[in-house]
């Protein structure tokens, strides 16, 4: 399954670290199956980047990372 993460920088190797507890679902690394949703997350930043990953239940592999410049 392909999943996406929207941010201001490419995330080559996701790591679950302590983050702001104010997130909707608590701490974690948020991903979605919808590329459009990741694009909306990334659009909050001046430089929007969508990272994509190939997810399987026992491992995660990076498939590609792309820069998106939204206007």
PDB file of N, CA and C in Angstrom:
ATOM      1  N   UNK A   1       0.846  -1.163   0.000  1.00  0.00           N
ATOM      2  CA  UNK A   1       0.000   0.000   0.000  1.00  0.00           C
ATOM      3  C   UNK A   1       0.902   1.239   0.000  1.00  0.00           C
ATOM      4  N   UNK A   2       0.591   2.189  -0.849  1.00  0.00           N
ATOM      5  CA  UNK A   2       1.337   3.439  -0.903  1.00  0.00           C
ATOM      6  C   UNK A   2       0.704   4.440   0.051  1.00  0.00           C
ATOM      7  N   UNK A   3       1.560   5.089   0.873  1.00  0.00           N
ATOM      8  CA  UNK A   3       1.087   6.114   1.803  1.00  0.00           C
ATOM      9  C   UNK A   3       1.915   7.378   1.616  1.00  0.00           C
ATOM     10  N   UNK A   4       1.369   8.524   2.033  1.00  0.00           N
ATOM     11  CA  UNK A   4       1.973   9.830   1.785  1.00  0.00           C
ATOM     12  C   UNK A   4       2.070  10.649   3.077  1.00  0.00           C
ATOM     13  N   UNK A   5       3.083  11.516   3.115  1.00  0.00           N
ATOM     14  CA  UNK A   5       3.278  12.431   4.241  1.00  0.00           C
ATOM     15  C   UNK A   5       3.563  13.814   3.671  1.00  0.00           C
ATOM     16  N   UNK A   6       2.818  14.831   4.097  1.00  0.00           N
ATOM     17  CA  UNK A   6       3.020  16.199   3.623  1.00  0.00           C
ATOM     18  C   UNK A   6       3.749  17.023   4.658  1.00  0.00           C
ATOM     19  N   UNK A   7       4.787  17.751   4.217  1.00  0.00           N
ATOM     20  CA  UNK A   7       5.614  18.519   5.140  1.00  0.00           C
ATOM     21  C   UNK A   7       6.323  19.641   4.395  1.00  0.00           C
ATOM     22  N   UNK A   8       7.280  20.306   5.066  1.00  0.00           N
ATOM     23  CA  UNK A   8       8.098  21.347   4.455  1.00  0.00           C
ATOM     24  C   UNK A   8       9.447  20.816   4.004  1.00  0.00           C
ATOM     25  N   UNK A   9       9.731  19.529   4.281  1.00  0.00           N
ATOM     26  CA  UNK A   9      10.996  18.919   3.888  1.00  0.00           C
ATOM     27  C   UNK A   9      10.773  17.437   3.612  1.00  0.00           C
ATOM     28  N   UNK A  10      11.673  16.862   2.820  1.00  0.00           N
ATOM     29  CA  UNK A  10      11.595  15.434   2.531  1.00  0.00           C
ATOM     30  C   UNK A  10      11.943  14.643   3.786  1.00  0.00           C
ATOM     31  N   UNK A  11      11.205  13.603   4.030  1.00  0.00           N
ATOM     32  CA  UNK A  11      11.472  12.712   5.149  1.00  0.00           C
ATOM     33  C   UNK A  11      11.901  11.374   4.552  1.00  0.00           C
ATOM     34  N   UNK A  12      13.208  11.172   4.477  1.00  0.00           N
ATOM     35  CA  UNK A  12      13.730   9.946   3.866  1.00  0.00           C
ATOM     36  C   UNK A  12      13.505   8.729   4.762  1.00  0.00           C
ATOM     37  N   UNK A  13      13.716   8.891   6.054  1.00  0.00           N
ATOM     38  CA  UNK A  13      13.557   7.788   7.000  1.00  0.00           C
ATOM     39  C   UNK A  13      12.674   8.250   8.147  1.00  0.00           C
ATOM     40  N   UNK A  14      11.398   7.910   8.126  1.00  0.00           N
ATOM     41  CA  UNK A  14      10.508   8.346   9.197  1.00  0.00           C
ATOM     42  C   UNK A  14      10.957   7.794  10.554  1.00  0.00           C
ATOM     43  N   UNK A  15      10.875   8.642  11.579  1.00  0.00           N
ATOM     44  CA  UNK A  15      11.186   8.239  12.941  1.00  0.00           C
ATOM     45  C   UNK A  15      10.054   8.739  13.832  1.00  0.00           C
ATOM     46  N   UNK A  16       9.634   7.913  14.735  1.00  0.00           N
ATOM     47  CA  UNK A  16       8.606   8.307  15.681  1.00  0.00           C
ATOM     48  C   UNK A  16       9.319   8.898  16.892  1.00  0.00           C
ATOM     49  N   UNK A  17       9.213  10.206  17.037  1.00  0.00           N
ATOM     50  CA  UNK A  17       9.847  10.921  18.134  1.00  0.00           C
ATOM     51  C   UNK A  17       8.776  11.659  18.922  1.00  0.00           C
ATOM     52  N   UNK A  18       9.140  12.152  20.068  1.00  0.00           N
ATOM     53  CA  UNK A  18       8.207  12.974  20.840  1.00  0.00           C
ATOM     54  C   UNK A  18       7.840  14.197  20.013  1.00  0.00           C
ATOM     55  N   UNK A  19       6.574  14.494  19.961  1.00  0.00           N
ATOM     56  CA  UNK A  19       6.116  15.646  19.202  1.00  0.00           C
ATOM     57  C   UNK A  19       5.070  16.392  20.029  1.00  0.00           C
ATOM     58  N   UNK A  20       4.497  17.392  19.442  1.00  0.00           N
ATOM     59  CA  UNK A  20       3.457  18.153  20.130  1.00  0.00           C
ATOM     60  C   UNK A  20       2.271  17.243  20.446  1.00  0.00           C
ATOM     61  N   UNK A  21       1.845  17.265  21.681  1.00  0.00           N
ATOM     62  CA  UNK A  21       0.725  16.422  22.069  1.00  0.00           C
ATOM     63  C   UNK A  21      -0.595  16.970  21.530  1.00  0.00           C
ATOM     64  N   UNK A  22      -0.599  18.188  21.058  1.00  0.00           N
ATOM     65  CA  UNK A  22      -1.829  18.827  20.595  1.00  0.00           C
ATOM     66  C   UNK A  22      -2.331  18.278  19.261  1.00  0.00           C
ATOM     67  N   UNK A  23      -1.660  17.321  18.688  1.00  0.00           N
ATOM     68  CA  UNK A  23      -2.127  16.734  17.432  1.00  0.00           C
ATOM     69  C   UNK A  23      -3.461  16.028  17.644  1.00  0.00           C
ATOM     70  N   UNK A  24      -4.224  15.863  16.563  1.00  0.00           N
ATOM     71  CA  UNK A  24      -5.554  15.253  16.664  1.00  0.00           C
ATOM     72  C   UNK A  24      -5.536  13.873  17.314  1.00  0.00           C
ATOM     73  N   UNK A  25      -4.543  13.067  16.969  1.00  0.00           N
ATOM     74  CA  UNK A  25      -4.499  11.696  17.464  1.00  0.00           C
ATOM     75  C   UNK A  25      -3.275  11.442  18.341  1.00  0.00           C
ATOM     76  N   UNK A  26      -2.696  12.480  18.918  1.00  0.00           N
ATOM     77  CA  UNK A  26      -1.539  12.314  19.790  1.00  0.00           C
ATOM     78  C   UNK A  26      -0.235  12.270  19.010  1.00  0.00           C
ATOM     79  N   UNK A  27       0.783  11.715  19.648  1.00  0.00           N
ATOM     80  CA  UNK A  27       2.113  11.663  19.041  1.00  0.00           C
ATOM     81  C   UNK A  27       2.158  10.643  17.911  1.00  0.00           C
ATOM     82  N   UNK A  28       3.040  10.869  16.938  1.00  0.00           N
ATOM     83  CA  UNK A  28       3.203   9.917  15.846  1.00  0.00           C
ATOM     84  C   UNK A  28       3.651  10.587  14.565  1.00  0.00           C
ATOM     85  N   UNK A  29       3.817   9.800  13.542  1.00  0.00           N
ATOM     86  CA  UNK A  29       4.187  10.255  12.204  1.00  0.00           C
ATOM     87  C   UNK A  29       2.959  10.050  11.332  1.00  0.00           C
ATOM     88  N   UNK A  30       2.310  11.140  10.954  1.00  0.00           N
ATOM     89  CA  UNK A  30       1.028  11.072  10.261  1.00  0.00           C
ATOM     90  C   UNK A  30       1.202  10.823   8.764  1.00  0.00           C
ATOM     91  N   UNK A  31       0.488   9.831   8.259  1.00  0.00           N
ATOM     92  CA  UNK A  31       0.483   9.515   6.827  1.00  0.00           C
ATOM     93  C   UNK A  31      -0.958   9.289   6.395  1.00  0.00           C
ATOM     94  N   UNK A  32      -1.154   9.308   5.088  1.00  0.00           N
ATOM     95  CA  UNK A  32      -2.476   9.076   4.513  1.00  0.00           C
ATOM     96  C   UNK A  32      -2.330   8.277   3.231  1.00  0.00           C
ATOM     97  N   UNK A  33      -3.384   7.579   2.864  1.00  0.00           N
ATOM     98  CA  UNK A  33      -3.415   6.887   1.573  1.00  0.00           C
ATOM     99  C   UNK A  33      -3.740   7.848   0.439  1.00  0.00           C
ATOM    100  N   UNK A  34      -4.179   9.056   0.762  1.00  0.00           N
ATOM    101  CA  UNK A  34      -4.613  10.031  -0.245  1.00  0.00           C
ATOM    102  C   UNK A  34      -3.522  11.069  -0.505  1.00  0.00           C
ATOM    103  N   UNK A  35      -2.969  11.067  -1.705  1.00  0.00           N
ATOM    104  CA  UNK A  35      -1.930  12.047  -2.054  1.00  0.00           C
ATOM    105  C   UNK A  35      -2.461  13.472  -1.941  1.00  0.00           C
ATOM    106  N   UNK A  36      -3.734  13.676  -2.290  1.00  0.00           N
ATOM    107  CA  UNK A  36      -4.336  15.007  -2.218  1.00  0.00           C
ATOM    108  C   UNK A  36      -4.381  15.516  -0.774  1.00  0.00           C
ATOM    109  N   UNK A  37      -4.634  14.636   0.169  1.00  0.00           N
ATOM    110  CA  UNK A  37      -4.663  15.039   1.569  1.00  0.00           C
ATOM    111  C   UNK A  37      -3.256  15.429   2.044  1.00  0.00           C
ATOM    112  N   UNK A  38      -2.244  14.673   1.651  1.00  0.00           N
ATOM    113  CA  UNK A  38      -0.857  15.017   1.988  1.00  0.00           C
ATOM    114  C   UNK A  38      -0.492  16.369   1.382  1.00  0.00           C
ATOM    115  N   UNK A  39      -0.986  16.648   0.184  1.00  0.00           N
ATOM    116  CA  UNK A  39      -0.737  17.943  -0.454  1.00  0.00           C
ATOM    117  C   UNK A  39      -1.364  19.074   0.357  1.00  0.00           C
ATOM    118  N   UNK A  40      -2.555  18.853   0.906  1.00  0.00           N
ATOM    119  CA  UNK A  40      -3.185  19.863   1.758  1.00  0.00           C
ATOM    120  C   UNK A  40      -2.369  20.092   3.024  1.00  0.00           C
ATOM    121  N   UNK A  41      -1.861  19.007   3.642  1.00  0.00           N
ATOM    122  CA  UNK A  41      -1.014  19.154   4.831  1.00  0.00           C
ATOM    123  C   UNK A  41       0.225  19.975   4.494  1.00  0.00           C
ATOM    124  N   UNK A  42       0.839  19.682   3.346  1.00  0.00           N
ATOM    125  CA  UNK A  42       2.077  20.354   2.947  1.00  0.00           C
ATOM    126  C   UNK A  42       1.838  21.798   2.534  1.00  0.00           C
ATOM    127  N   UNK A  43       0.635  22.124   2.103  1.00  0.00           N
ATOM    128  CA  UNK A  43       0.355  23.473   1.598  1.00  0.00           C
ATOM    129  C   UNK A  43       0.449  24.550   2.682  1.00  0.00           C
ATOM    130  N   UNK A  44       0.555  24.152   3.943  1.00  0.00           N
ATOM    131  CA  UNK A  44       0.706  25.129   5.038  1.00  0.00           C
ATOM    132  C   UNK A  44       2.092  25.775   5.026  1.00  0.00           C
ATOM    133  N   UNK A  45       3.017  25.211   4.276  1.00  0.00           N
ATOM    134  CA  UNK A  45       4.407  25.664   4.281  1.00  0.00           C
ATOM    135  C   UNK A  45       4.768  26.363   2.981  1.00  0.00           C
ATOM    136  N   UNK A  46       5.800  27.231   3.027  1.00  0.00           N
ATOM    137  CA  UNK A  46       6.269  27.919   1.815  1.00  0.00           C
ATOM    138  C   UNK A  46       6.790  26.932   0.787  1.00  0.00           C
ATOM    139  N   UNK A  47       7.520  25.921   1.236  1.00  0.00           N
ATOM    140  CA  UNK A  47       8.009  24.860   0.358  1.00  0.00           C
ATOM    141  C   UNK A  47       7.269  23.591   0.735  1.00  0.00           C
ATOM    142  N   UNK A  48       6.398  23.142  -0.131  1.00  0.00           N
ATOM    143  CA  UNK A  48       5.588  21.957   0.150  1.00  0.00           C
ATOM    144  C   UNK A  48       6.253  20.718  -0.431  1.00  0.00           C
ATOM    145  N   UNK A  49       6.416  19.700   0.395  1.00  0.00           N
ATOM    146  CA  UNK A  49       7.047  18.453  -0.035  1.00  0.00           C
ATOM    147  C   UNK A  49       6.150  17.285   0.362  1.00  0.00           C
ATOM    148  N   UNK A  50       5.925  16.391  -0.569  1.00  0.00           N
ATOM    149  CA  UNK A  50       5.182  15.173  -0.287  1.00  0.00           C
ATOM    150  C   UNK A  50       6.140  13.999  -0.387  1.00  0.00           C
ATOM    151  N   UNK A  51       6.262  13.267   0.709  1.00  0.00           N
ATOM    152  CA  UNK A  51       7.070  12.049   0.715  1.00  0.00           C
ATOM    153  C   UNK A  51       6.114  10.873   0.583  1.00  0.00           C
ATOM    154  N   UNK A  52       6.513   9.871  -0.187  1.00  0.00           N
ATOM    155  CA  UNK A  52       5.655   8.688  -0.321  1.00  0.00           C
ATOM    156  C   UNK A  52       6.449   7.454   0.085  1.00  0.00           C
ATOM    157  N   UNK A  53       5.718   6.481   0.595  1.00  0.00           N
ATOM    158  CA  UNK A  53       6.317   5.265   1.126  1.00  0.00           C
ATOM    159  C   UNK A  53       5.487   4.070   0.703  1.00  0.00           C
ATOM    160  N   UNK A  54       6.143   2.940   0.584  1.00  0.00           N
ATOM    161  CA  UNK A  54       5.442   1.692   0.340  1.00  0.00           C
ATOM    162  C   UNK A  54       5.341   0.976   1.679  1.00  0.00           C
ATOM    163  N   UNK A  55       4.121   0.791   2.158  1.00  0.00           N
ATOM    164  CA  UNK A  55       3.890   0.212   3.477  1.00  0.00           C
ATOM    165  C   UNK A  55       3.443  -1.234   3.372  1.00  0.00           C
ATOM    166  N   UNK A  56       4.058  -2.085   4.168  1.00  0.00           N
ATOM    167  CA  UNK A  56       3.577  -3.438   4.400  1.00  0.00           C
ATOM    168  C   UNK A  56       3.534  -3.613   5.914  1.00  0.00           C
ATOM    169  N   UNK A  57       2.688  -4.476   6.423  1.00  0.00           N
ATOM    170  CA  UNK A  57       2.537  -4.577   7.880  1.00  0.00           C
ATOM    171  C   UNK A  57       3.833  -4.818   8.646  1.00  0.00           C
ATOM    172  N   UNK A  58       4.806  -5.487   8.062  1.00  0.00           N
ATOM    173  CA  UNK A  58       6.024  -5.800   8.802  1.00  0.00           C
ATOM    174  C   UNK A  58       7.185  -4.860   8.503  1.00  0.00           C
ATOM    175  N   UNK A  59       7.047  -3.956   7.520  1.00  0.00           N
ATOM    176  CA  UNK A  59       8.130  -3.024   7.215  1.00  0.00           C
ATOM    177  C   UNK A  59       7.599  -1.861   6.390  1.00  0.00           C
ATOM    178  N   UNK A  60       8.403  -0.809   6.284  1.00  0.00           N
ATOM    179  CA  UNK A  60       8.060   0.339   5.443  1.00  0.00           C
ATOM    180  C   UNK A  60       9.265   0.647   4.569  1.00  0.00           C
ATOM    181  N   UNK A  61       9.031   0.877   3.292  1.00  0.00           N
ATOM    182  CA  UNK A  61      10.101   1.221   2.376  1.00  0.00           C
ATOM    183  C   UNK A  61       9.733   2.502   1.655  1.00  0.00           C
ATOM    184  N   UNK A  62      10.728   3.371   1.459  1.00  0.00           N
ATOM    185  CA  UNK A  62      10.508   4.634   0.765  1.00  0.00           C
ATOM    186  C   UNK A  62      10.462   4.371  -0.725  1.00  0.00           C
ATOM    187  N   UNK A  63       9.410   4.845  -1.385  1.00  0.00           N
ATOM    188  CA  UNK A  63       9.326   4.651  -2.825  1.00  0.00           C
ATOM    189  C   UNK A  63       9.798   5.884  -3.591  1.00  0.00           C
ATOM    190  N   UNK A  64       9.498   7.084  -3.087  1.00  0.00           N
ATOM    191  CA  UNK A  64      10.028   8.299  -3.704  1.00  0.00           C
ATOM    192  C   UNK A  64       9.617   9.504  -2.886  1.00  0.00           C
ATOM    193  N   UNK A  65      10.297  10.593  -3.113  1.00  0.00           N
ATOM    194  CA  UNK A  65       9.975  11.842  -2.470  1.00  0.00           C
ATOM    195  C   UNK A  65       9.912  12.908  -3.552  1.00  0.00           C
ATOM    196  N   UNK A  66       8.908  13.774  -3.481  1.00  0.00           N
ATOM    197  CA  UNK A  66       8.797  14.808  -4.501  1.00  0.00           C
ATOM    198  C   UNK A  66       8.548  16.158  -3.879  1.00  0.00           C
ATOM    199  N   UNK A  67       9.051  17.200  -4.502  1.00  0.00           N
ATOM    200  CA  UNK A  67       8.770  18.572  -4.081  1.00  0.00           C
ATOM    201  C   UNK A  67       7.547  19.058  -4.821  1.00  0.00           C
ATOM    202  N   UNK A  68       6.689  19.757  -4.126  1.00  0.00           N
ATOM    203  CA  UNK A  68       5.535  20.383  -4.755  1.00  0.00           C
ATOM    204  C   UNK A  68       5.592  21.871  -4.418  1.00  0.00           C
ATOM    205  N   UNK A  69       5.540  22.679  -5.414  1.00  0.00           N
ATOM    206  CA  UNK A  69       5.510  24.111  -5.180  1.00  0.00           C
ATOM    207  C   UNK A  69       4.093  24.578  -5.484  1.00  0.00           C
ATOM    208  N   UNK A  70       3.362  24.878  -4.432  1.00  0.00           N
ATOM    209  CA  UNK A  70       1.974  25.268  -4.589  1.00  0.00           C
ATOM    210  C   UNK A  70       1.864  26.769  -4.699  1.00  0.00           C
ATOM    211  N   UNK A  71       0.921  27.221  -5.501  1.00  0.00           N
ATOM    212  CA  UNK A  71       0.738  28.665  -5.695  1.00  0.00           C
ATOM    213  C   UNK A  71      -0.575  29.098  -5.140  1.00  0.00           C
TER     214      UNK A  71
END
